[in-house]
Amino acid sequence: NRLPPGQAKKRYVVGQPLGAGVTYKPIPAELSVRIGKPPEGYLYVTLDGDLLKLAVGTLLVVDAIDGLLN
């Protein structure tokens, strides 16, 4: 079962917490200004060029926008 192009590299799954050892970065300041602050209890991060919304504490991936930063 082959994945579509670009899907093979994903190190996260929406609805699952980030795996141990997966490192993410804060979003760029200019993007933060454009999209605003995340809701209470969440944070926005970048991973592999995608924007993720994570639950604070569990690092559960709540939402993702593919390729936003590529």
C-alpha atoms as a PDB file:
ATOM      1  CA  ASN A   1       0.000   0.000   0.000  1.00  0.00           C
ATOM      2  CA  ARG A   2       1.869   3.055  -1.287  1.00  0.00           C
ATOM      3  CA  LEU A   3       1.490   6.520   0.147  1.00  0.00           C
ATOM      4  CA  PRO A   4       0.921   9.563  -2.078  1.00  0.00           C
ATOM      5  CA  PRO A   5       3.994  11.724  -2.752  1.00  0.00           C
ATOM      6  CA  GLY A   6       4.938  13.769   0.300  1.00  0.00           C
ATOM      7  CA  GLN A   7       3.091  11.539   2.757  1.00  0.00           C
ATOM      8  CA  ALA A   8       5.939   9.108   3.370  1.00  0.00           C
ATOM      9  CA  LYS A   9       8.002  11.660   5.301  1.00  0.00           C
ATOM     10  CA  LYS A  10       5.270  12.652   7.762  1.00  0.00           C
ATOM     11  CA  ARG A  11       6.388  12.194  11.349  1.00  0.00           C
ATOM     12  CA  TYR A  12       2.973  12.882  12.828  1.00  0.00           C
ATOM     13  CA  VAL A  13      -0.624  11.700  12.539  1.00  0.00           C
ATOM     14  CA  VAL A  14      -3.593  13.971  13.259  1.00  0.00           C
ATOM     15  CA  GLY A  15      -5.360  12.535  16.300  1.00  0.00           C
ATOM     16  CA  GLN A  16      -2.172  10.989  17.702  1.00  0.00           C
ATOM     17  CA  PRO A  17       0.475  12.505  20.003  1.00  0.00           C
ATOM     18  CA  LEU A  18       3.881  13.288  18.548  1.00  0.00           C
ATOM     19  CA  GLY A  19       6.268  10.369  18.914  1.00  0.00           C
ATOM     20  CA  ALA A  20       9.131  10.407  21.387  1.00  0.00           C
ATOM     21  CA  GLY A  21      12.137  12.213  19.981  1.00  0.00           C
ATOM     22  CA  VAL A  22      10.194  14.133  17.325  1.00  0.00           C
ATOM     23  CA  THR A  23      11.410  17.717  17.499  1.00  0.00           C
ATOM     24  CA  TYR A  24       9.356  20.665  16.325  1.00  0.00           C
ATOM     25  CA  LYS A  25      10.027  24.377  15.997  1.00  0.00           C
ATOM     26  CA  PRO A  26       8.056  27.456  16.972  1.00  0.00           C
ATOM     27  CA  ILE A  27       6.226  29.093  14.081  1.00  0.00           C
ATOM     28  CA  PRO A  28       7.849  32.141  12.458  1.00  0.00           C
ATOM     29  CA  ALA A  29       6.875  35.484  14.021  1.00  0.00           C
ATOM     30  CA  GLU A  30       5.276  36.785  10.810  1.00  0.00           C
ATOM     31  CA  LEU A  31       3.025  33.716  10.620  1.00  0.00           C
ATOM     32  CA  SER A  32       2.076  34.127  14.266  1.00  0.00           C
ATOM     33  CA  VAL A  33       0.958  37.682  13.524  1.00  0.00           C
ATOM     34  CA  ARG A  34      -1.142  36.505  10.548  1.00  0.00           C
ATOM     35  CA  ILE A  35      -2.925  33.593  12.248  1.00  0.00           C
ATOM     36  CA  GLY A  36      -3.080  34.944  15.797  1.00  0.00           C
ATOM     37  CA  LYS A  37      -2.630  33.122  19.075  1.00  0.00           C
ATOM     38  CA  PRO A  38      -3.712  29.503  19.397  1.00  0.00           C
ATOM     39  CA  PRO A  39      -6.739  28.732  21.591  1.00  0.00           C
ATOM     40  CA  GLU A  40      -6.115  28.264  25.316  1.00  0.00           C
ATOM     41  CA  GLY A  41      -4.387  24.930  25.962  1.00  0.00           C
ATOM     42  CA  TYR A  42      -2.881  24.629  22.456  1.00  0.00           C
ATOM     43  CA  LEU A  43       0.273  25.677  20.671  1.00  0.00           C
ATOM     44  CA  TYR A  44       1.222  26.150  17.035  1.00  0.00           C
ATOM     45  CA  VAL A  45       4.477  24.593  15.842  1.00  0.00           C
ATOM     46  CA  THR A  46       6.166  23.675  12.583  1.00  0.00           C
ATOM     47  CA  LEU A  47       7.287  20.180  11.662  1.00  0.00           C
ATOM     48  CA  ASP A  48       8.588  19.139   8.238  1.00  0.00           C
ATOM     49  CA  GLY A  49       7.273  22.368   6.717  1.00  0.00           C
ATOM     50  CA  ASP A  50       3.743  21.832   8.026  1.00  0.00           C
ATOM     51  CA  LEU A  51       1.848  23.901  10.584  1.00  0.00           C
ATOM     52  CA  LEU A  52       0.570  21.810  13.497  1.00  0.00           C
ATOM     53  CA  LYS A  53      -1.791  22.649  16.343  1.00  0.00           C
ATOM     54  CA  LEU A  54      -0.802  20.613  19.394  1.00  0.00           C
ATOM     55  CA  ALA A  55      -2.505  20.125  22.743  1.00  0.00           C
ATOM     56  CA  VAL A  56      -0.245  21.456  25.489  1.00  0.00           C
ATOM     57  CA  GLY A  57       1.067  18.691  27.745  1.00  0.00           C
ATOM     58  CA  THR A  58       0.141  15.666  25.634  1.00  0.00           C
ATOM     59  CA  LEU A  59       1.464  16.999  22.290  1.00  0.00           C
ATOM     60  CA  LEU A  60      -1.618  15.495  20.642  1.00  0.00           C
ATOM     61  CA  VAL A  61      -1.787  16.648  17.016  1.00  0.00           C
ATOM     62  CA  VAL A  62      -5.184  18.333  16.813  1.00  0.00           C
ATOM     63  CA  ASP A  63      -4.870  19.832  13.327  1.00  0.00           C
ATOM     64  CA  ALA A  64      -2.317  20.217  10.545  1.00  0.00           C
ATOM     65  CA  ILE A  65      -1.865  22.296   7.410  1.00  0.00           C
ATOM     66  CA  ASP A  66       0.419  20.530   4.960  1.00  0.00           C
ATOM     67  CA  GLY A  67       3.236  22.388   3.255  1.00  0.00           C
ATOM     68  CA  LEU A  68       2.391  25.794   4.670  1.00  0.00           C
ATOM     69  CA  LEU A  69       6.046  26.680   5.153  1.00  0.00           C
ATOM     70  CA  ASN A  70       7.570  25.123   2.032  1.00  0.00           C
END
